[in-house]
Each structure stands twice: as C-alpha cells, then as structure tokens.
PDB file of N, CA and C in Angstrom:
ATOM      1  N   MET A   1      -5.973  13.452  -9.477  1.00  0.00           N
ATOM      2  CA  MET A   1      -5.763  12.586 -10.624  1.00  0.00           C
ATOM      3  C   MET A   1      -5.205  13.391 -11.792  1.00  0.00           C
ATOM      4  N   LYS A   2      -5.697  14.594 -11.959  1.00  0.00           N
ATOM      5  CA  LYS A   2      -5.241  15.413 -13.067  1.00  0.00           C
ATOM      6  C   LYS A   2      -3.753  15.736 -12.920  1.00  0.00           C
ATOM      7  N   PHE A   3      -3.318  16.064 -11.701  1.00  0.00           N
ATOM      8  CA  PHE A   3      -1.916  16.376 -11.456  1.00  0.00           C
ATOM      9  C   PHE A   3      -1.032  15.171 -11.749  1.00  0.00           C
ATOM     10  N   SER A   4      -1.444  13.996 -11.306  1.00  0.00           N
ATOM     11  CA  SER A   4      -0.634  12.796 -11.545  1.00  0.00           C
ATOM     12  C   SER A   4      -0.554  12.475 -13.038  1.00  0.00           C
ATOM     13  N   MET A   5      -1.611  12.758 -13.777  1.00  0.00           N
ATOM     14  CA  MET A   5      -1.585  12.532 -15.223  1.00  0.00           C
ATOM     15  C   MET A   5      -0.598  13.482 -15.898  1.00  0.00           C
ATOM     16  N   ILE A   6      -0.574  14.721 -15.452  1.00  0.00           N
ATOM     17  CA  ILE A   6       0.373  15.691 -16.011  1.00  0.00           C
ATOM     18  C   ILE A   6       1.808  15.269 -15.712  1.00  0.00           C
ATOM     19  N   VAL A   7       2.054  14.838 -14.485  1.00  0.00           N
ATOM     20  CA  VAL A   7       3.396  14.377 -14.111  1.00  0.00           C
ATOM     21  C   VAL A   7       3.792  13.176 -14.958  1.00  0.00           C
ATOM     22  N   LEU A   8       2.875  12.243 -15.167  1.00  0.00           N
ATOM     23  CA  LEU A   8       3.161  11.067 -15.985  1.00  0.00           C
ATOM     24  C   LEU A   8       3.500  11.464 -17.420  1.00  0.00           C
ATOM     25  N   ILE A   9       2.747  12.388 -17.981  1.00  0.00           N
ATOM     26  CA  ILE A   9       3.011  12.834 -19.356  1.00  0.00           C
ATOM     27  C   ILE A   9       4.379  13.501 -19.455  1.00  0.00           C
ATOM     28  N   VAL A  10       4.726  14.323 -18.473  1.00  0.00           N
ATOM     29  CA  VAL A  10       6.040  14.982 -18.476  1.00  0.00           C
ATOM     30  C   VAL A  10       7.153  13.942 -18.382  1.00  0.00           C
ATOM     31  N   LEU A  11       6.991  12.962 -17.494  1.00  0.00           N
ATOM     32  CA  LEU A  11       8.014  11.917 -17.357  1.00  0.00           C
ATOM     33  C   LEU A  11       8.163  11.103 -18.641  1.00  0.00           C
ATOM     34  N   LEU A  12       7.051  10.766 -19.261  1.00  0.00           N
ATOM     35  CA  LEU A  12       7.123  10.019 -20.518  1.00  0.00           C
ATOM     36  C   LEU A  12       7.785  10.844 -21.614  1.00  0.00           C
ATOM     37  N   ALA A  13       7.534  12.144 -21.631  1.00  0.00           N
ATOM     38  CA  ALA A  13       8.187  13.015 -22.611  1.00  0.00           C
ATOM     39  C   ALA A  13       9.691  13.053 -22.379  1.00  0.00           C
ATOM     40  N   LEU A  14      10.101  13.101 -21.117  1.00  0.00           N
ATOM     41  CA  LEU A  14      11.534  13.086 -20.804  1.00  0.00           C
ATOM     42  C   LEU A  14      12.182  11.768 -21.222  1.00  0.00           C
ATOM     43  N   VAL A  15      11.506  10.666 -20.965  1.00  0.00           N
ATOM     44  CA  VAL A  15      12.040   9.353 -21.361  1.00  0.00           C
ATOM     45  C   VAL A  15      12.138   9.265 -22.878  1.00  0.00           C
ATOM     46  N   ALA A  16      11.120   9.737 -23.570  1.00  0.00           N
ATOM     47  CA  ALA A  16      11.152   9.703 -25.037  1.00  0.00           C
ATOM     48  C   ALA A  16      12.286  10.570 -25.575  1.00  0.00           C
ATOM     49  N   THR A  17      12.483  11.738 -24.982  1.00  0.00           N
ATOM     50  CA  THR A  17      13.587  12.610 -25.401  1.00  0.00           C
ATOM     51  C   THR A  17      14.927  11.932 -25.173  1.00  0.00           C
ATOM     52  N   PHE A  18      15.080  11.290 -24.029  1.00  0.00           N
ATOM     53  CA  PHE A  18      16.317  10.567 -23.727  1.00  0.00           C
ATOM     54  C   PHE A  18      16.556   9.463 -24.754  1.00  0.00           C
ATOM     55  N   ALA A  19      15.499   8.731 -25.074  1.00  0.00           N
ATOM     56  CA  ALA A  19      15.642   7.624 -26.025  1.00  0.00           C
ATOM     57  C   ALA A  19      16.029   8.125 -27.413  1.00  0.00           C
ATOM     58  N   VAL A  20      15.464   9.250 -27.826  1.00  0.00           N
ATOM     59  CA  VAL A  20      15.766   9.789 -29.155  1.00  0.00           C
ATOM     60  C   VAL A  20      17.199  10.321 -29.210  1.00  0.00           C
ATOM     61  N   GLN A  21      17.651  10.940 -28.131  1.00  0.00           N
ATOM     62  CA  GLN A  21      18.985  11.536 -28.129  1.00  0.00           C
ATOM     63  C   GLN A  21      20.093  10.521 -27.851  1.00  0.00           C
ATOM     64  N   ASN A  22      19.752   9.325 -27.393  1.00  0.00           N
ATOM     65  CA  ASN A  22      20.738   8.287 -27.093  1.00  0.00           C
ATOM     66  C   ASN A  22      20.344   6.984 -27.782  1.00  0.00           C
ATOM     67  N   PRO A  23      20.389   6.948 -29.108  1.00  0.00           N
ATOM     68  CA  PRO A  23      19.914   5.760 -29.825  1.00  0.00           C
ATOM     69  C   PRO A  23      20.951   4.645 -29.895  1.00  0.00           C
ATOM     70  N   GLY A  24      22.122   4.875 -29.388  1.00  0.00           N
ATOM     71  CA  GLY A  24      23.197   3.899 -29.531  1.00  0.00           C
ATOM     72  C   GLY A  24      22.943   2.601 -28.789  1.00  0.00           C
ATOM     73  N   VAL A  25      23.625   1.582 -29.244  1.00  0.00           N
ATOM     74  CA  VAL A  25      23.540   0.263 -28.626  1.00  0.00           C
ATOM     75  C   VAL A  25      24.745   0.102 -27.708  1.00  0.00           C
ATOM     76  N   ILE A  26      24.501  -0.447 -26.524  1.00  0.00           N
ATOM     77  CA  ILE A  26      25.598  -0.711 -25.597  1.00  0.00           C
ATOM     78  C   ILE A  26      25.663  -2.202 -25.323  1.00  0.00           C
ATOM     79  N   THR A  27      26.827  -2.658 -24.899  1.00  0.00           N
ATOM     80  CA  THR A  27      27.008  -4.059 -24.544  1.00  0.00           C
ATOM     81  C   THR A  27      26.905  -4.180 -23.031  1.00  0.00           C
ATOM     82  N   VAL A  28      26.035  -5.049 -22.599  1.00  0.00           N
ATOM     83  CA  VAL A  28      25.832  -5.283 -21.172  1.00  0.00           C
ATOM     84  C   VAL A  28      26.464  -6.619 -20.820  1.00  0.00           C
ATOM     85  N   ARG A  29      27.307  -6.614 -19.788  1.00  0.00           N
ATOM     86  CA  ARG A  29      27.942  -7.846 -19.310  1.00  0.00           C
ATOM     87  C   ARG A  29      27.558  -8.039 -17.848  1.00  0.00           C
ATOM     88  N   PHE A  30      27.071  -9.209 -17.524  1.00  0.00           N
ATOM     89  CA  PHE A  30      26.727  -9.546 -16.144  1.00  0.00           C
ATOM     90  C   PHE A  30      27.004 -11.023 -15.942  1.00  0.00           C
ATOM     91  N   LEU A  31      27.970 -11.336 -15.080  1.00  0.00           N
ATOM     92  CA  LEU A  31      28.439 -12.699 -14.850  1.00  0.00           C
ATOM     93  C   LEU A  31      28.799 -13.318 -16.202  1.00  0.00           C
ATOM     94  N   GLN A  32      28.098 -14.348 -16.619  1.00  0.00           N
ATOM     95  CA  GLN A  32      28.391 -14.993 -17.895  1.00  0.00           C
ATOM     96  C   GLN A  32      27.520 -14.460 -19.031  1.00  0.00           C
ATOM     97  N   PHE A  33      26.589 -13.592 -18.690  1.00  0.00           N
ATOM     98  CA  PHE A  33      25.675 -13.043 -19.690  1.00  0.00           C
ATOM     99  C   PHE A  33      26.336 -11.874 -20.415  1.00  0.00           C
ATOM    100  N   ARG A  34      26.101 -11.795 -21.710  1.00  0.00           N
ATOM    101  CA  ARG A  34      26.577 -10.660 -22.500  1.00  0.00           C
ATOM    102  C   ARG A  34      25.545 -10.401 -23.589  1.00  0.00           C
ATOM    103  N   GLY A  35      25.125  -9.149 -23.692  1.00  0.00           N
ATOM    104  CA  GLY A  35      24.132  -8.821 -24.709  1.00  0.00           C
ATOM    105  C   GLY A  35      24.211  -7.374 -25.122  1.00  0.00           C
ATOM    106  N   ASP A  36      23.736  -7.103 -26.312  1.00  0.00           N
ATOM    107  CA  ASP A  36      23.690  -5.745 -26.835  1.00  0.00           C
ATOM    108  C   ASP A  36      22.257  -5.230 -26.736  1.00  0.00           C
ATOM    109  N   THR A  37      22.112  -4.042 -26.189  1.00  0.00           N
ATOM    110  CA  THR A  37      20.797  -3.426 -26.037  1.00  0.00           C
ATOM    111  C   THR A  37      20.963  -1.911 -25.985  1.00  0.00           C
ATOM    112  N   SER A  38      19.863  -1.205 -26.005  1.00  0.00           N
ATOM    113  CA  SER A  38      19.948   0.257 -25.934  1.00  0.00           C
ATOM    114  C   SER A  38      20.112   0.698 -24.478  1.00  0.00           C
ATOM    115  N   LEU A  39      20.644   1.886 -24.306  1.00  0.00           N
ATOM    116  CA  LEU A  39      20.844   2.440 -22.971  1.00  0.00           C
ATOM    117  C   LEU A  39      19.511   2.614 -22.253  1.00  0.00           C
ATOM    118  N   LEU A  40      18.488   2.987 -22.986  1.00  0.00           N
ATOM    119  CA  LEU A  40      17.171   3.178 -22.387  1.00  0.00           C
ATOM    120  C   LEU A  40      16.652   1.885 -21.761  1.00  0.00           C
ATOM    121  N   VAL A  41      16.842   0.765 -22.443  1.00  0.00           N
ATOM    122  CA  VAL A  41      16.381  -0.523 -21.907  1.00  0.00           C
ATOM    123  C   VAL A  41      17.094  -0.831 -20.597  1.00  0.00           C
ATOM    124  N   VAL A  42      18.387  -0.565 -20.541  1.00  0.00           N
ATOM    125  CA  VAL A  42      19.150  -0.820 -19.317  1.00  0.00           C
ATOM    126  C   VAL A  42      18.640   0.063 -18.177  1.00  0.00           C
ATOM    127  N   ILE A  43      18.399   1.328 -18.461  1.00  0.00           N
ATOM    128  CA  ILE A  43      17.923   2.244 -17.418  1.00  0.00           C
ATOM    129  C   ILE A  43      16.521   1.866 -16.952  1.00  0.00           C
ATOM    130  N   VAL A  44      15.630   1.572 -17.888  1.00  0.00           N
ATOM    131  CA  VAL A  44      14.259   1.199 -17.520  1.00  0.00           C
ATOM    132  C   VAL A  44      14.251  -0.121 -16.750  1.00  0.00           C
ATOM    133  N   ALA A  45      15.073  -1.078 -17.162  1.00  0.00           N
ATOM    134  CA  ALA A  45      15.146  -2.357 -16.445  1.00  0.00           C
ATOM    135  C   ALA A  45      15.678  -2.147 -15.027  1.00  0.00           C
ATOM    136  N   GLY A  46      16.686  -1.306 -14.882  1.00  0.00           N
ATOM    137  CA  GLY A  46      17.209  -1.010 -13.544  1.00  0.00           C
ATOM    138  C   GLY A  46      16.181  -0.322 -12.668  1.00  0.00           C
ATOM    139  N   PHE A  47      15.456   0.620 -13.251  1.00  0.00           N
ATOM    140  CA  PHE A  47      14.400   1.305 -12.514  1.00  0.00           C
ATOM    141  C   PHE A  47      13.308   0.317 -12.096  1.00  0.00           C
ATOM    142  N   GLY A  48      12.898  -0.539 -13.035  1.00  0.00           N
ATOM    143  CA  GLY A  48      11.871  -1.539 -12.731  1.00  0.00           C
ATOM    144  C   GLY A  48      12.314  -2.501 -11.642  1.00  0.00           C
ATOM    145  N   ALA A  49      13.585  -2.910 -11.695  1.00  0.00           N
ATOM    146  CA  ALA A  49      14.103  -3.802 -10.650  1.00  0.00           C
ATOM    147  C   ALA A  49      14.088  -3.100  -9.294  1.00  0.00           C
ATOM    148  N   GLY A  50      14.403  -1.814  -9.280  1.00  0.00           N
ATOM    149  CA  GLY A  50      14.365  -1.060  -8.028  1.00  0.00           C
ATOM    150  C   GLY A  50      12.957  -0.923  -7.476  1.00  0.00           C
ATOM    151  N   VAL A  51      12.006  -0.652  -8.355  1.00  0.00           N
ATOM    152  CA  VAL A  51      10.604  -0.545  -7.928  1.00  0.00           C
ATOM    153  C   VAL A  51      10.122  -1.887  -7.379  1.00  0.00           C
ATOM    154  N   LEU A  52      10.435  -2.962  -8.087  1.00  0.00           N
ATOM    155  CA  LEU A  52      10.035  -4.298  -7.632  1.00  0.00           C
ATOM    156  C   LEU A  52      10.673  -4.633  -6.289  1.00  0.00           C
ATOM    157  N   GLY A  53      11.952  -4.319  -6.147  1.00  0.00           N
ATOM    158  CA  GLY A  53      12.638  -4.576  -4.875  1.00  0.00           C
ATOM    159  C   GLY A  53      12.029  -3.784  -3.732  1.00  0.00           C
ATOM    160  N   GLY A  54      11.704  -2.520  -3.979  1.00  0.00           N
ATOM    161  CA  GLY A  54      11.073  -1.709  -2.945  1.00  0.00           C
ATOM    162  C   GLY A  54       9.702  -2.229  -2.565  1.00  0.00           C
ATOM    163  N   TRP A  55       8.949  -2.658  -3.559  1.00  0.00           N
ATOM    164  CA  TRP A  55       7.618  -3.212  -3.290  1.00  0.00           C
ATOM    165  C   TRP A  55       7.723  -4.497  -2.464  1.00  0.00           C
ATOM    166  N   LEU A  56       8.665  -5.365  -2.843  1.00  0.00           N
ATOM    167  CA  LEU A  56       8.856  -6.611  -2.092  1.00  0.00           C
ATOM    168  C   LEU A  56       9.326  -6.333  -0.669  1.00  0.00           C
ATOM    169  N   ALA A  57      10.176  -5.322  -0.500  1.00  0.00           N
ATOM    170  CA  ALA A  57      10.649  -4.976   0.839  1.00  0.00           C
ATOM    171  C   ALA A  57       9.511  -4.444   1.708  1.00  0.00           C
ATOM    172  N   GLY A  58       8.502  -3.840   1.108  1.00  0.00           N
ATOM    173  CA  GLY A  58       7.380  -3.297   1.860  1.00  0.00           C
ATOM    174  C   GLY A  58       6.291  -4.304   2.184  1.00  0.00           C
ATOM    175  N   LEU A  59       6.334  -5.478   1.571  1.00  0.00           N
ATOM    176  CA  LEU A  59       5.275  -6.470   1.793  1.00  0.00           C
ATOM    177  C   LEU A  59       5.141  -6.927   3.244  1.00  0.00           C
ATOM    178  N   PRO A  60       6.229  -7.233   3.953  1.00  0.00           N
ATOM    179  CA  PRO A  60       6.048  -7.673   5.344  1.00  0.00           C
ATOM    180  C   PRO A  60       5.314  -6.642   6.204  1.00  0.00           C
ATOM    181  N   GLY A  61       5.639  -5.370   6.033  1.00  0.00           N
ATOM    182  CA  GLY A  61       4.945  -4.329   6.791  1.00  0.00           C
ATOM    183  C   GLY A  61       3.473  -4.253   6.430  1.00  0.00           C
ATOM    184  N   THR A  62       3.175  -4.421   5.154  1.00  0.00           N
ATOM    185  CA  THR A  62       1.783  -4.400   4.706  1.00  0.00           C
ATOM    186  C   THR A  62       1.000  -5.546   5.328  1.00  0.00           C
ATOM    187  N   PHE A  63       1.571  -6.745   5.312  1.00  0.00           N
ATOM    188  CA  PHE A  63       0.890  -7.899   5.911  1.00  0.00           C
ATOM    189  C   PHE A  63       0.731  -7.722   7.419  1.00  0.00           C
ATOM    190  N   ARG A  64       1.748  -7.154   8.079  1.00  0.00           N
ATOM    191  CA  ARG A  64       1.668  -6.943   9.520  1.00  0.00           C
ATOM    192  C   ARG A  64       0.546  -5.956   9.851  1.00  0.00           C
ATOM    193  N   ARG A  65       0.475  -4.850   9.123  1.00  0.00           N
ATOM    194  CA  ARG A  65      -0.581  -3.862   9.383  1.00  0.00           C
ATOM    195  C   ARG A  65      -1.964  -4.438   9.102  1.00  0.00           C
ATOM    196  N   ARG A  66      -2.080  -5.243   8.064  1.00  0.00           N
ATOM    197  CA  ARG A  66      -3.373  -5.858   7.757  1.00  0.00           C
ATOM    198  C   ARG A  66      -3.787  -6.812   8.879  1.00  0.00           C
ATOM    199  N   SER A  67      -2.831  -7.575   9.397  1.00  0.00           N
ATOM    200  CA  SER A  67      -3.112  -8.489  10.496  1.00  0.00           C
ATOM    201  C   SER A  67      -3.524  -7.718  11.752  1.00  0.00           C
ATOM    202  N   GLU A  68      -2.812  -6.619  12.033  1.00  0.00           N
ATOM    203  CA  GLU A  68      -3.159  -5.801  13.197  1.00  0.00           C
ATOM    204  C   GLU A  68      -4.547  -5.188  13.046  1.00  0.00           C
ATOM    205  N   ALA A  69      -4.898  -4.751  11.852  1.00  0.00           N
ATOM    206  CA  ALA A  69      -6.223  -4.163  11.619  1.00  0.00           C
ATOM    207  C   ALA A  69      -7.318  -5.208  11.807  1.00  0.00           C
ATOM    208  N   THR A  70      -7.066  -6.425  11.342  1.00  0.00           N
ATOM    209  CA  THR A  70      -8.039  -7.504  11.516  1.00  0.00           C
ATOM    210  C   THR A  70      -8.227  -7.822  12.997  1.00  0.00           C
ATOM    211  N   ALA A  71      -7.120  -7.889  13.741  1.00  0.00           N
ATOM    212  CA  ALA A  71      -7.202  -8.164  15.175  1.00  0.00           C
ATOM    213  C   ALA A  71      -7.933  -7.034  15.899  1.00  0.00           C
ATOM    214  N   ALA A  72      -7.684  -5.789  15.514  1.00  0.00           N
ATOM    215  CA  ALA A  72      -8.361  -4.654  16.143  1.00  0.00           C
ATOM    216  C   ALA A  72      -9.860  -4.689  15.852  1.00  0.00           C
ATOM    217  N   ALA A  73     -10.237  -5.044  14.636  1.00  0.00           N
ATOM    218  CA  ALA A  73     -11.661  -5.136  14.288  1.00  0.00           C
ATOM    219  C   ALA A  73     -12.333  -6.247  15.095  1.00  0.00           C
ATOM    220  N   ARG A  74     -11.645  -7.368  15.249  1.00  0.00           N
ATOM    221  CA  ARG A  74     -12.194  -8.473  16.040  1.00  0.00           C
ATOM    222  C   ARG A  74     -12.383  -8.041  17.495  1.00  0.00           C
ATOM    223  N   ARG A  75     -11.384  -7.350  18.052  1.00  0.00           N
ATOM    224  CA  ARG A  75     -11.458  -6.883  19.437  1.00  0.00           C
ATOM    225  C   ARG A  75     -12.589  -5.863  19.593  1.00  0.00           C
ATOM    226  N   THR A  76     -12.779  -5.016  18.607  1.00  0.00           N
ATOM    227  CA  THR A  76     -13.863  -4.032  18.644  1.00  0.00           C
ATOM    228  C   THR A  76     -15.217  -4.727  18.692  1.00  0.00           C
ATOM    229  N   ARG A  77     -15.393  -5.751  17.873  1.00  0.00           N
ATOM    230  CA  ARG A  77     -16.659  -6.504  17.897  1.00  0.00           C
ATOM    231  C   ARG A  77     -16.874  -7.152  19.264  1.00  0.00           C
ATOM    232  N   GLU A  78     -15.808  -7.708  19.843  1.00  0.00           N
ATOM    233  CA  GLU A  78     -15.929  -8.337  21.161  1.00  0.00           C
ATOM    234  C   GLU A  78     -16.332  -7.313  22.216  1.00  0.00           C
ATOM    235  N   LEU A  79     -15.695  -6.138  22.189  1.00  0.00           N
ATOM    236  CA  LEU A  79     -16.002  -5.106  23.176  1.00  0.00           C
ATOM    237  C   LEU A  79     -17.405  -4.545  22.985  1.00  0.00           C
ATOM    238  N   GLU A  80     -17.853  -4.401  21.739  1.00  0.00           N
ATOM    239  CA  GLU A  80     -19.216  -3.932  21.495  1.00  0.00           C
ATOM    240  C   GLU A  80     -20.237  -4.941  22.006  1.00  0.00           C
ATOM    241  N   ALA A  81     -19.945  -6.223  21.833  1.00  0.00           N
ATOM    242  CA  ALA A  81     -20.840  -7.257  22.363  1.00  0.00           C
ATOM    243  C   ALA A  81     -20.857  -7.202  23.886  1.00  0.00           C
ATOM    244  N   GLU A  82     -19.699  -6.984  24.497  1.00  0.00           N
ATOM    245  CA  GLU A  82     -19.626  -6.889  25.954  1.00  0.00           C
ATOM    246  C   GLU A  82     -20.401  -5.671  26.456  1.00  0.00           C
ATOM    247  N   ILE A  83     -20.313  -4.555  25.747  1.00  0.00           N
ATOM    248  CA  ILE A  83     -21.074  -3.359  26.125  1.00  0.00           C
ATOM    249  C   ILE A  83     -22.571  -3.654  26.067  1.00  0.00           C
ATOM    250  N   GLY A  84     -23.001  -4.350  25.017  1.00  0.00           N
ATOM    251  CA  GLY A  84     -24.413  -4.716  24.907  1.00  0.00           C
ATOM    252  C   GLY A  84     -24.852  -5.594  26.067  1.00  0.00           C
ATOM    253  N   ASP A  85     -24.030  -6.567  26.445  1.00  0.00           N
ATOM    254  CA  ASP A  85     -24.354  -7.435  27.578  1.00  0.00           C
ATOM    255  C   ASP A  85     -24.425  -6.634  28.876  1.00  0.00           C
ATOM    256  N   LEU A  86     -23.486  -5.706  29.064  1.00  0.00           N
ATOM    257  CA  LEU A  86     -23.485  -4.897  30.284  1.00  0.00           C
ATOM    258  C   LEU A  86     -24.703  -3.985  30.347  1.00  0.00           C
ATOM    259  N   LYS A  87     -25.133  -3.446  29.223  1.00  0.00           N
ATOM    260  CA  LYS A  87     -26.336  -2.606  29.203  1.00  0.00           C
ATOM    261  C   LYS A  87     -27.562  -3.418  29.604  1.00  0.00           C
ATOM    262  N   LYS A  88     -27.637  -4.651  29.106  1.00  0.00           N
ATOM    263  CA  LYS A  88     -28.762  -5.520  29.476  1.00  0.00           C
ATOM    264  C   LYS A  88     -28.731  -5.824  30.968  1.00  0.00           C
ATOM    265  N   THR A  89     -27.531  -6.047  31.510  1.00  0.00           N
ATOM    266  CA  THR A  89     -27.392  -6.325  32.940  1.00  0.00           C
ATOM    267  C   THR A  89     -27.819  -5.115  33.760  1.00  0.00           C
ATOM    268  N   VAL A  90     -27.418  -3.918  33.344  1.00  0.00           N
ATOM    269  CA  VAL A  90     -27.805  -2.696  34.059  1.00  0.00           C
ATOM    270  C   VAL A  90     -29.314  -2.523  34.011  1.00  0.00           C
ATOM    271  N   GLU A  91     -29.927  -2.752  32.873  1.00  0.00           N
ATOM    272  CA  GLU A  91     -31.382  -2.625  32.754  1.00  0.00           C
ATOM    273  C   GLU A  91     -32.090  -3.626  33.658  1.00  0.00           C
ATOM    274  N   ARG A  92     -31.530  -4.829  33.739  1.00  0.00           N
ATOM    275  CA  ARG A  92     -32.145  -5.870  34.559  1.00  0.00           C
ATOM    276  C   ARG A  92     -32.006  -5.546  36.047  1.00  0.00           C
ATOM    277  N   LEU A  93     -30.883  -4.961  36.445  1.00  0.00           N
ATOM    278  CA  LEU A  93     -30.630  -4.695  37.858  1.00  0.00           C
ATOM    279  C   LEU A  93     -31.192  -3.355  38.329  1.00  0.00           C
ATOM    280  N   THR A  94     -31.522  -2.464  37.417  1.00  0.00           N
ATOM    281  CA  THR A  94     -32.065  -1.156  37.795  1.00  0.00           C
ATOM    282  C   THR A  94     -33.546  -1.323  38.117  1.00  0.00           C
ATOM    283  N   PRO A  95     -33.948  -0.843  39.319  1.00  0.00           N
ATOM    284  CA  PRO A  95     -35.368  -0.978  39.667  1.00  0.00           C
ATOM    285  C   PRO A  95     -36.214  -0.079  38.769  1.00  0.00           C
ATOM    286  N   PRO A  96     -37.393  -0.537  38.452  1.00  0.00           N
ATOM    287  CA  PRO A  96     -38.255   0.276  37.591  1.00  0.00           C
ATOM    288  C   PRO A  96     -38.665   1.552  38.322  1.00  0.00           C
ATOM    289  N   SER A  97     -38.732   2.628  37.605  1.00  0.00           N
ATOM    290  CA  SER A  97     -39.134   3.899  38.227  1.00  0.00           C
ATOM    291  C   SER A  97     -40.658   3.940  38.307  1.00  0.00           C
ATOM    292  N   THR A  98     -41.146   4.585  39.363  1.00  0.00           N
ATOM    293  CA  THR A  98     -42.598   4.665  39.561  1.00  0.00           C
ATOM    294  C   THR A  98     -43.185   5.858  38.841  1.00  0.00           C
ATOM    295  N   GLY A  99     -42.341   6.744  38.372  1.00  0.00           N
ATOM    296  CA  GLY A  99     -42.827   7.897  37.634  1.00  0.00           C
ATOM    297  C   GLY A  99     -43.174   9.064  38.535  1.00  0.00           C
ATOM    298  N   LYS A 100     -43.102   8.909  39.876  1.00  0.00           N
ATOM    299  CA  LYS A 100     -43.415   9.986  40.816  1.00  0.00           C
ATOM    300  C   LYS A 100     -42.129  10.706  41.191  1.00  0.00           C
ATOM    301  N   ALA A 101     -42.197  12.018  41.285  1.00  0.00           N
ATOM    302  CA  ALA A 101     -41.046  12.803  41.717  1.00  0.00           C
ATOM    303  C   ALA A 101     -40.955  12.739  43.221  1.00  0.00           C
ATOM    304  N   GLN A 102     -39.778  12.681  43.757  1.00  0.00           N
ATOM    305  CA  GLN A 102     -39.634  12.572  45.210  1.00  0.00           C
ATOM    306  C   GLN A 102     -39.291  13.871  45.839  1.00  0.00           C
TER     307      GLN A 102
END
C-alpha cells in the first residue's frame, strides 16, 4: 500500500506540473461538437475513456470466471456429499472387528 501511495503522489505531481506548464486553452472539434478547454482536460478525459473501455472489455471475462467458480463450488459440495455417503456405505458393509488378532 505504501508503494502504491508513493506512485500515486508522483503521478499527481507530474500531472500538476504538466497542467502548470501548459495553461493554454485549445479548441476541441468532434463531429458537430466544438468547445474550448485546457489540454489537461482533454488528456485526462482520453485517459479516463481508455480506462473505462478497458474495464468494460474485461467484464465478460470477469463474469465468466465468477460463473465457473460458482459451478466448481457447487460440484465440490456435491462430491463432498457423495464422499460422505460412500463412507457411510463402507462402514455399513464392513463387518465389525472382534478385536482379536489372528
């Protein structure tokens, strides 16, 4: 946790330095949209869109793994119950020992 906090502080310092050194306003045009904003806003918005896109792209795999884990847990419970039943069957079918050595 300490390492990740240090990395976060360094990244925020770099972003702040970038923002201070590039205070100019740029015009952004996209299809029919046109607006004036700072370069930092454009970069942060692009980064955020990329993070969101990557997260959305990873969702199907996450749901698939969760489903597989649930199915594996269910199968484990079934097999443990079967083992318990088989142990009871073995105990029932095994003749009682008389305690004498042969």
